[in-house]
N, C-alpha and C. Protein backbone atom coordinates (compact mmCIF):
# COMPACT_ATOMS: atom_id res chain seq x y z
N MET A 1 -30.16 -7.04 -7.15
CA MET A 1 -30.02 -8.21 -6.32
C MET A 1 -29.39 -7.84 -4.97
N ILE A 2 -28.44 -6.93 -5.00
CA ILE A 2 -27.78 -6.54 -3.76
C ILE A 2 -28.77 -5.84 -2.84
N SER A 3 -29.68 -5.05 -3.43
CA SER A 3 -30.68 -4.38 -2.60
C SER A 3 -31.62 -5.39 -1.95
N GLU A 4 -31.90 -6.50 -2.64
CA GLU A 4 -32.73 -7.55 -2.04
C GLU A 4 -32.01 -8.20 -0.86
N ILE A 5 -30.72 -8.41 -1.02
CA ILE A 5 -29.93 -8.98 0.09
C ILE A 5 -29.95 -8.02 1.27
N ASP A 6 -29.77 -6.73 0.99
CA ASP A 6 -29.79 -5.73 2.07
C ASP A 6 -31.14 -5.70 2.78
N ARG A 7 -32.22 -5.73 1.99
CA ARG A 7 -33.56 -5.71 2.62
C ARG A 7 -33.77 -6.93 3.50
N GLY A 8 -33.41 -8.10 2.98
CA GLY A 8 -33.57 -9.33 3.77
C GLY A 8 -32.73 -9.30 5.04
N CYS A 9 -31.52 -8.82 4.93
CA CYS A 9 -30.65 -8.76 6.10
C CYS A 9 -31.13 -7.71 7.10
N ASN A 10 -31.69 -6.61 6.60
CA ASN A 10 -32.21 -5.59 7.51
C ASN A 10 -33.37 -6.14 8.34
N VAL A 11 -34.21 -6.95 7.72
CA VAL A 11 -35.31 -7.58 8.46
C VAL A 11 -34.75 -8.52 9.52
N GLU A 12 -33.76 -9.31 9.14
CA GLU A 12 -33.15 -10.24 10.10
C GLU A 12 -32.42 -9.49 11.21
N LEU A 13 -31.77 -8.39 10.87
CA LEU A 13 -31.08 -7.60 11.89
C LEU A 13 -32.07 -7.01 12.89
N ALA A 14 -33.22 -6.60 12.40
CA ALA A 14 -34.23 -6.03 13.30
C ALA A 14 -34.78 -7.07 14.25
N SER A 15 -34.84 -8.32 13.80
CA SER A 15 -35.39 -9.37 14.66
C SER A 15 -34.30 -10.11 15.45
N ALA A 16 -33.03 -9.80 15.22
CA ALA A 16 -31.94 -10.47 15.94
C ALA A 16 -31.97 -10.07 17.41
N LYS A 17 -31.81 -11.06 18.27
CA LYS A 17 -31.92 -10.81 19.70
C LYS A 17 -30.56 -10.55 20.37
N THR A 18 -29.53 -11.19 19.88
CA THR A 18 -28.22 -11.05 20.51
C THR A 18 -27.22 -10.43 19.52
N SER A 19 -26.14 -9.96 20.07
CA SER A 19 -25.10 -9.39 19.21
C SER A 19 -24.45 -10.47 18.34
N ASP A 20 -24.45 -11.71 18.83
CA ASP A 20 -23.91 -12.82 18.04
C ASP A 20 -24.79 -13.06 16.81
N ASP A 21 -26.11 -12.99 16.99
CA ASP A 21 -27.02 -13.14 15.85
C ASP A 21 -26.82 -12.02 14.84
N ARG A 22 -26.66 -10.79 15.33
CA ARG A 22 -26.43 -9.65 14.44
C ARG A 22 -25.11 -9.81 13.68
N ALA A 23 -24.08 -10.30 14.35
CA ALA A 23 -22.79 -10.50 13.70
C ALA A 23 -22.90 -11.56 12.59
N LYS A 24 -23.67 -12.62 12.85
CA LYS A 24 -23.86 -13.66 11.83
C LYS A 24 -24.59 -13.10 10.61
N VAL A 25 -25.61 -12.28 10.85
CA VAL A 25 -26.36 -11.69 9.74
C VAL A 25 -25.45 -10.75 8.95
N GLU A 26 -24.67 -9.94 9.64
CA GLU A 26 -23.75 -9.01 8.95
C GLU A 26 -22.71 -9.77 8.14
N ASP A 27 -22.22 -10.89 8.69
CA ASP A 27 -21.23 -11.70 7.98
C ASP A 27 -21.85 -12.31 6.72
N ARG A 28 -23.08 -12.80 6.83
CA ARG A 28 -23.76 -13.38 5.67
C ARG A 28 -24.01 -12.30 4.61
N ARG A 29 -24.41 -11.12 5.06
CA ARG A 29 -24.64 -10.01 4.12
C ARG A 29 -23.34 -9.69 3.37
N HIS A 30 -22.24 -9.63 4.11
CA HIS A 30 -20.95 -9.31 3.49
C HIS A 30 -20.56 -10.37 2.46
N ARG A 31 -20.71 -11.64 2.81
CA ARG A 31 -20.33 -12.72 1.89
C ARG A 31 -21.19 -12.70 0.63
N GLU A 32 -22.51 -12.58 0.80
CA GLU A 32 -23.40 -12.60 -0.36
C GLU A 32 -23.22 -11.36 -1.23
N THR A 33 -23.04 -10.22 -0.61
CA THR A 33 -22.85 -8.98 -1.37
C THR A 33 -21.53 -9.02 -2.13
N SER A 34 -20.48 -9.48 -1.48
CA SER A 34 -19.18 -9.52 -2.17
C SER A 34 -19.19 -10.53 -3.31
N LEU A 35 -20.00 -11.59 -3.21
CA LEU A 35 -20.13 -12.54 -4.31
C LEU A 35 -20.73 -11.84 -5.54
N TYR A 36 -21.79 -11.07 -5.33
CA TYR A 36 -22.39 -10.36 -6.46
C TYR A 36 -21.47 -9.27 -7.00
N VAL A 37 -20.77 -8.59 -6.14
CA VAL A 37 -19.82 -7.57 -6.60
C VAL A 37 -18.73 -8.23 -7.44
N ASP A 38 -18.24 -9.39 -7.02
CA ASP A 38 -17.23 -10.11 -7.79
C ASP A 38 -17.77 -10.53 -9.16
N GLN A 39 -19.04 -10.98 -9.20
CA GLN A 39 -19.63 -11.36 -10.48
C GLN A 39 -19.75 -10.15 -11.41
N ILE A 40 -20.12 -9.01 -10.85
CA ILE A 40 -20.22 -7.78 -11.65
C ILE A 40 -18.84 -7.39 -12.18
N GLU A 41 -17.83 -7.46 -11.32
CA GLU A 41 -16.46 -7.13 -11.74
C GLU A 41 -15.98 -8.08 -12.83
N ALA A 42 -16.31 -9.37 -12.71
CA ALA A 42 -15.89 -10.34 -13.72
C ALA A 42 -16.54 -10.03 -15.06
N THR A 43 -17.81 -9.65 -15.04
CA THR A 43 -18.51 -9.30 -16.27
C THR A 43 -17.92 -8.03 -16.90
N LYS A 44 -17.67 -7.01 -16.07
CA LYS A 44 -17.07 -5.78 -16.58
C LYS A 44 -15.69 -6.06 -17.18
N THR A 45 -14.92 -6.91 -16.52
CA THR A 45 -13.58 -7.23 -17.01
C THR A 45 -13.65 -7.95 -18.35
N ARG A 46 -14.56 -8.94 -18.46
CA ARG A 46 -14.71 -9.66 -19.73
C ARG A 46 -15.06 -8.70 -20.87
N ARG A 47 -16.01 -7.80 -20.61
CA ARG A 47 -16.42 -6.84 -21.65
C ARG A 47 -15.28 -5.92 -22.05
N LEU A 48 -14.55 -5.43 -21.06
CA LEU A 48 -13.45 -4.51 -21.34
C LEU A 48 -12.34 -5.21 -22.12
N LEU A 49 -12.01 -6.44 -21.73
CA LEU A 49 -10.96 -7.17 -22.43
C LEU A 49 -11.40 -7.57 -23.83
N ARG A 50 -12.69 -7.85 -24.01
CA ARG A 50 -13.20 -8.15 -25.35
C ARG A 50 -13.02 -6.94 -26.27
N LYS A 51 -13.32 -5.74 -25.75
CA LYS A 51 -13.12 -4.51 -26.53
C LYS A 51 -11.65 -4.33 -26.87
N ALA A 52 -10.79 -4.52 -25.86
CA ALA A 52 -9.35 -4.34 -26.07
C ALA A 52 -8.83 -5.34 -27.10
N ASN A 53 -9.28 -6.59 -27.02
CA ASN A 53 -8.83 -7.60 -27.97
C ASN A 53 -9.34 -7.31 -29.38
N SER A 54 -10.57 -6.84 -29.51
CA SER A 54 -11.11 -6.56 -30.85
C SER A 54 -10.38 -5.40 -31.51
N LEU A 55 -9.84 -4.48 -30.71
CA LEU A 55 -9.09 -3.34 -31.25
C LEU A 55 -7.59 -3.58 -31.26
N ASP A 56 -7.16 -4.76 -30.84
CA ASP A 56 -5.73 -5.10 -30.72
C ASP A 56 -4.99 -4.14 -29.81
N VAL A 57 -5.61 -3.78 -28.71
CA VAL A 57 -4.98 -2.91 -27.72
C VAL A 57 -4.17 -3.79 -26.77
N PRO A 58 -2.88 -3.56 -26.63
CA PRO A 58 -2.09 -4.38 -25.71
C PRO A 58 -2.38 -4.04 -24.25
N TYR A 59 -2.31 -5.05 -23.41
CA TYR A 59 -2.50 -4.85 -21.97
C TYR A 59 -1.68 -5.88 -21.22
N ASP A 60 -1.36 -5.56 -19.97
CA ASP A 60 -0.60 -6.48 -19.12
C ASP A 60 -1.51 -7.63 -18.71
N TYR A 61 -0.95 -8.82 -18.68
CA TYR A 61 -1.73 -9.97 -18.25
C TYR A 61 -1.71 -10.06 -16.73
N PRO A 62 -2.75 -10.64 -16.15
CA PRO A 62 -2.83 -10.71 -14.68
C PRO A 62 -1.67 -11.48 -14.07
N SER A 63 -1.17 -10.93 -12.98
CA SER A 63 -0.15 -11.62 -12.19
C SER A 63 -0.20 -11.08 -10.78
N GLU A 64 0.36 -11.84 -9.87
CA GLU A 64 0.32 -11.46 -8.45
C GLU A 64 1.07 -10.16 -8.17
N ASP A 65 2.13 -9.89 -8.91
CA ASP A 65 2.93 -8.70 -8.62
C ASP A 65 2.58 -7.50 -9.51
N SER A 66 1.49 -7.61 -10.27
CA SER A 66 1.07 -6.52 -11.14
C SER A 66 0.28 -5.48 -10.35
N PRO A 67 0.61 -4.19 -10.51
CA PRO A 67 -0.13 -3.15 -9.79
C PRO A 67 -1.49 -2.85 -10.41
N VAL A 68 -1.76 -3.37 -11.61
CA VAL A 68 -3.03 -3.06 -12.27
C VAL A 68 -4.03 -4.22 -12.24
N TRP A 69 -3.67 -5.34 -11.64
CA TRP A 69 -4.59 -6.48 -11.52
C TRP A 69 -4.70 -6.91 -10.07
N GLU A 70 -5.90 -7.37 -9.71
CA GLU A 70 -6.10 -7.94 -8.38
C GLU A 70 -7.05 -9.13 -8.49
N ARG A 71 -6.94 -10.04 -7.54
CA ARG A 71 -7.78 -11.23 -7.54
C ARG A 71 -8.97 -10.99 -6.61
N SER A 72 -10.15 -11.41 -7.07
CA SER A 72 -11.36 -11.21 -6.26
C SER A 72 -11.37 -12.17 -5.08
N ASP A 73 -12.08 -11.76 -4.03
CA ASP A 73 -12.11 -12.55 -2.80
C ASP A 73 -12.96 -13.81 -2.92
N GLN A 74 -14.12 -13.69 -3.53
CA GLN A 74 -15.06 -14.81 -3.57
C GLN A 74 -14.80 -15.76 -4.74
N LEU A 75 -14.72 -15.23 -5.94
CA LEU A 75 -14.60 -16.07 -7.14
C LEU A 75 -13.16 -16.37 -7.52
N HIS A 76 -12.22 -15.64 -6.96
CA HIS A 76 -10.79 -15.78 -7.26
C HIS A 76 -10.49 -15.55 -8.74
N THR A 77 -11.26 -14.65 -9.36
CA THR A 77 -11.00 -14.25 -10.74
C THR A 77 -10.18 -12.97 -10.72
N TRP A 78 -9.53 -12.69 -11.83
CA TRP A 78 -8.73 -11.48 -11.95
C TRP A 78 -9.57 -10.35 -12.50
N HIS A 79 -9.40 -9.17 -11.95
CA HIS A 79 -10.01 -7.97 -12.52
C HIS A 79 -9.05 -6.79 -12.30
N PRO A 80 -9.14 -5.80 -13.19
CA PRO A 80 -8.23 -4.66 -13.06
C PRO A 80 -8.54 -3.82 -11.82
N THR A 81 -7.51 -3.22 -11.28
CA THR A 81 -7.70 -2.25 -10.20
C THR A 81 -8.27 -0.98 -10.84
N THR A 82 -8.54 0.01 -10.04
CA THR A 82 -9.05 1.27 -10.57
C THR A 82 -8.07 1.87 -11.57
N ILE A 83 -6.79 1.79 -11.25
CA ILE A 83 -5.76 2.29 -12.17
C ILE A 83 -5.75 1.46 -13.45
N GLY A 84 -5.91 0.15 -13.31
CA GLY A 84 -5.93 -0.72 -14.48
C GLY A 84 -7.10 -0.44 -15.40
N TYR A 85 -8.30 -0.26 -14.81
CA TYR A 85 -9.47 0.10 -15.62
C TYR A 85 -9.22 1.40 -16.36
N SER A 86 -8.68 2.38 -15.65
CA SER A 86 -8.44 3.69 -16.24
C SER A 86 -7.46 3.59 -17.41
N GLN A 87 -6.36 2.88 -17.21
CA GLN A 87 -5.35 2.74 -18.27
C GLN A 87 -5.91 2.01 -19.49
N LEU A 88 -6.67 0.95 -19.24
CA LEU A 88 -7.21 0.17 -20.35
C LEU A 88 -8.27 0.95 -21.12
N ARG A 89 -9.15 1.64 -20.41
CA ARG A 89 -10.16 2.46 -21.09
C ARG A 89 -9.50 3.59 -21.88
N LYS A 90 -8.46 4.18 -21.33
CA LYS A 90 -7.74 5.25 -22.03
C LYS A 90 -7.11 4.71 -23.32
N ALA A 91 -6.51 3.53 -23.25
CA ALA A 91 -5.89 2.93 -24.43
C ALA A 91 -6.95 2.60 -25.49
N ILE A 92 -8.11 2.13 -25.06
CA ILE A 92 -9.20 1.82 -26.00
C ILE A 92 -9.70 3.09 -26.67
N ARG A 93 -9.90 4.15 -25.87
CA ARG A 93 -10.34 5.42 -26.44
C ARG A 93 -9.32 5.96 -27.45
N GLN A 94 -8.05 5.86 -27.13
CA GLN A 94 -7.00 6.35 -28.03
C GLN A 94 -6.99 5.56 -29.34
N GLU A 95 -7.14 4.24 -29.25
CA GLU A 95 -7.15 3.42 -30.46
C GLU A 95 -8.35 3.76 -31.33
N ARG A 96 -9.51 3.95 -30.72
CA ARG A 96 -10.69 4.34 -31.49
C ARG A 96 -10.50 5.71 -32.14
N ARG A 97 -9.90 6.63 -31.41
CA ARG A 97 -9.63 7.97 -31.94
C ARG A 97 -8.68 7.87 -33.14
N ASP A 98 -7.62 7.06 -33.02
CA ASP A 98 -6.67 6.91 -34.11
C ASP A 98 -7.34 6.32 -35.35
N ARG A 99 -8.19 5.32 -35.15
CA ARG A 99 -8.88 4.71 -36.28
C ARG A 99 -9.86 5.68 -36.93
N ARG A 100 -10.52 6.47 -36.12
CA ARG A 100 -11.47 7.46 -36.64
C ARG A 100 -10.73 8.52 -37.45
N GLU A 101 -9.58 8.99 -36.97
CA GLU A 101 -8.79 9.97 -37.70
C GLU A 101 -8.34 9.42 -39.05
N TRP A 102 -7.95 8.16 -39.08
CA TRP A 102 -7.53 7.52 -40.31
C TRP A 102 -8.69 7.49 -41.30
N ALA A 103 -9.88 7.13 -40.84
CA ALA A 103 -11.05 7.06 -41.71
C ALA A 103 -11.44 8.45 -42.22
N ILE A 104 -11.37 9.44 -41.36
CA ILE A 104 -11.72 10.81 -41.76
C ILE A 104 -10.74 11.32 -42.81
N THR A 105 -9.47 11.02 -42.64
CA THR A 105 -8.46 11.45 -43.60
C THR A 105 -8.74 10.84 -44.97
N TRP A 106 -8.99 9.54 -45.01
CA TRP A 106 -9.25 8.88 -46.28
C TRP A 106 -10.57 9.31 -46.89
N ALA A 107 -11.56 9.61 -46.06
CA ALA A 107 -12.84 10.11 -46.59
C ALA A 107 -12.62 11.43 -47.31
N GLY A 108 -11.81 12.31 -46.75
CA GLY A 108 -11.50 13.58 -47.40
C GLY A 108 -10.79 13.39 -48.73
N VAL A 109 -9.85 12.46 -48.77
CA VAL A 109 -9.12 12.18 -50.01
C VAL A 109 -10.08 11.65 -51.07
N ILE A 110 -10.93 10.72 -50.70
CA ILE A 110 -11.86 10.12 -51.67
C ILE A 110 -12.85 11.17 -52.18
N ILE A 111 -13.37 12.00 -51.29
CA ILE A 111 -14.31 13.05 -51.71
C ILE A 111 -13.61 14.04 -52.63
N GLY A 112 -12.36 14.35 -52.35
CA GLY A 112 -11.60 15.24 -53.24
C GLY A 112 -11.42 14.65 -54.62
N ILE A 113 -11.10 13.37 -54.70
CA ILE A 113 -10.92 12.71 -56.00
C ILE A 113 -12.24 12.70 -56.77
N ILE A 114 -13.33 12.39 -56.07
CA ILE A 114 -14.65 12.38 -56.73
C ILE A 114 -14.98 13.77 -57.25
N GLY A 115 -14.69 14.80 -56.46
CA GLY A 115 -14.94 16.17 -56.90
C GLY A 115 -14.12 16.53 -58.13
N ALA A 116 -12.85 16.13 -58.14
CA ALA A 116 -11.99 16.42 -59.29
C ALA A 116 -12.49 15.70 -60.54
N LEU A 117 -12.88 14.44 -60.38
CA LEU A 117 -13.40 13.68 -61.52
C LEU A 117 -14.70 14.28 -62.04
N THR A 118 -15.55 14.74 -61.14
CA THR A 118 -16.80 15.38 -61.54
C THR A 118 -16.51 16.66 -62.32
N GLY A 119 -15.57 17.44 -61.84
CA GLY A 119 -15.18 18.67 -62.55
C GLY A 119 -14.62 18.37 -63.93
N MET A 120 -13.76 17.38 -64.02
CA MET A 120 -13.18 17.01 -65.32
C MET A 120 -14.26 16.50 -66.27
N LEU A 121 -15.22 15.75 -65.75
CA LEU A 121 -16.32 15.26 -66.58
C LEU A 121 -17.16 16.42 -67.09
N ALA A 122 -17.41 17.40 -66.23
CA ALA A 122 -18.20 18.58 -66.64
C ALA A 122 -17.47 19.36 -67.73
N VAL A 123 -16.18 19.55 -67.60
CA VAL A 123 -15.39 20.26 -68.62
C VAL A 123 -15.38 19.47 -69.92
N TRP A 124 -15.21 18.17 -69.83
CA TRP A 124 -15.17 17.32 -71.03
C TRP A 124 -16.51 17.35 -71.76
N LEU A 125 -17.63 17.29 -70.98
CA LEU A 125 -18.95 17.34 -71.60
C LEU A 125 -19.22 18.71 -72.21
N ALA A 126 -18.76 19.78 -71.57
CA ALA A 126 -18.96 21.13 -72.11
C ALA A 126 -18.13 21.32 -73.39
N ALA A 127 -16.94 20.77 -73.43
CA ALA A 127 -16.07 20.92 -74.60
C ALA A 127 -16.58 20.07 -75.76
N ARG A 128 -17.25 19.00 -75.48
CA ARG A 128 -17.74 18.09 -76.50
C ARG A 128 -18.94 18.66 -77.24
N SER A 129 -19.70 19.49 -76.56
CA SER A 129 -20.90 20.01 -77.22
C SER A 129 -20.73 21.34 -77.88
């Protein structure tokens, strides 16, 4: 969609006769492009927070004095700064890693128990015959 806005504005810029007309086209391009960028950021933020909430990963809530949150210009929604995205993604990766390690540990224990029971069953069947 942003490329369509750019193409349309480039056509208008080429046909603009005065610098005032060019400034108006550039201003419109900036407003429309920043609206789509804000919508993309809002979607990315929703997805990231949904992942964090599903994994019970703690995160700072948006506030004016927070270094990891900023308010968008067009939609006035909150989204993480680059540092905020990085910290939240790192916390999500760590939580997934911790859960995976827990599952791998228990899988090893269960497989060991099954192996021991199989061995005991084989010995019992051999002794019985």
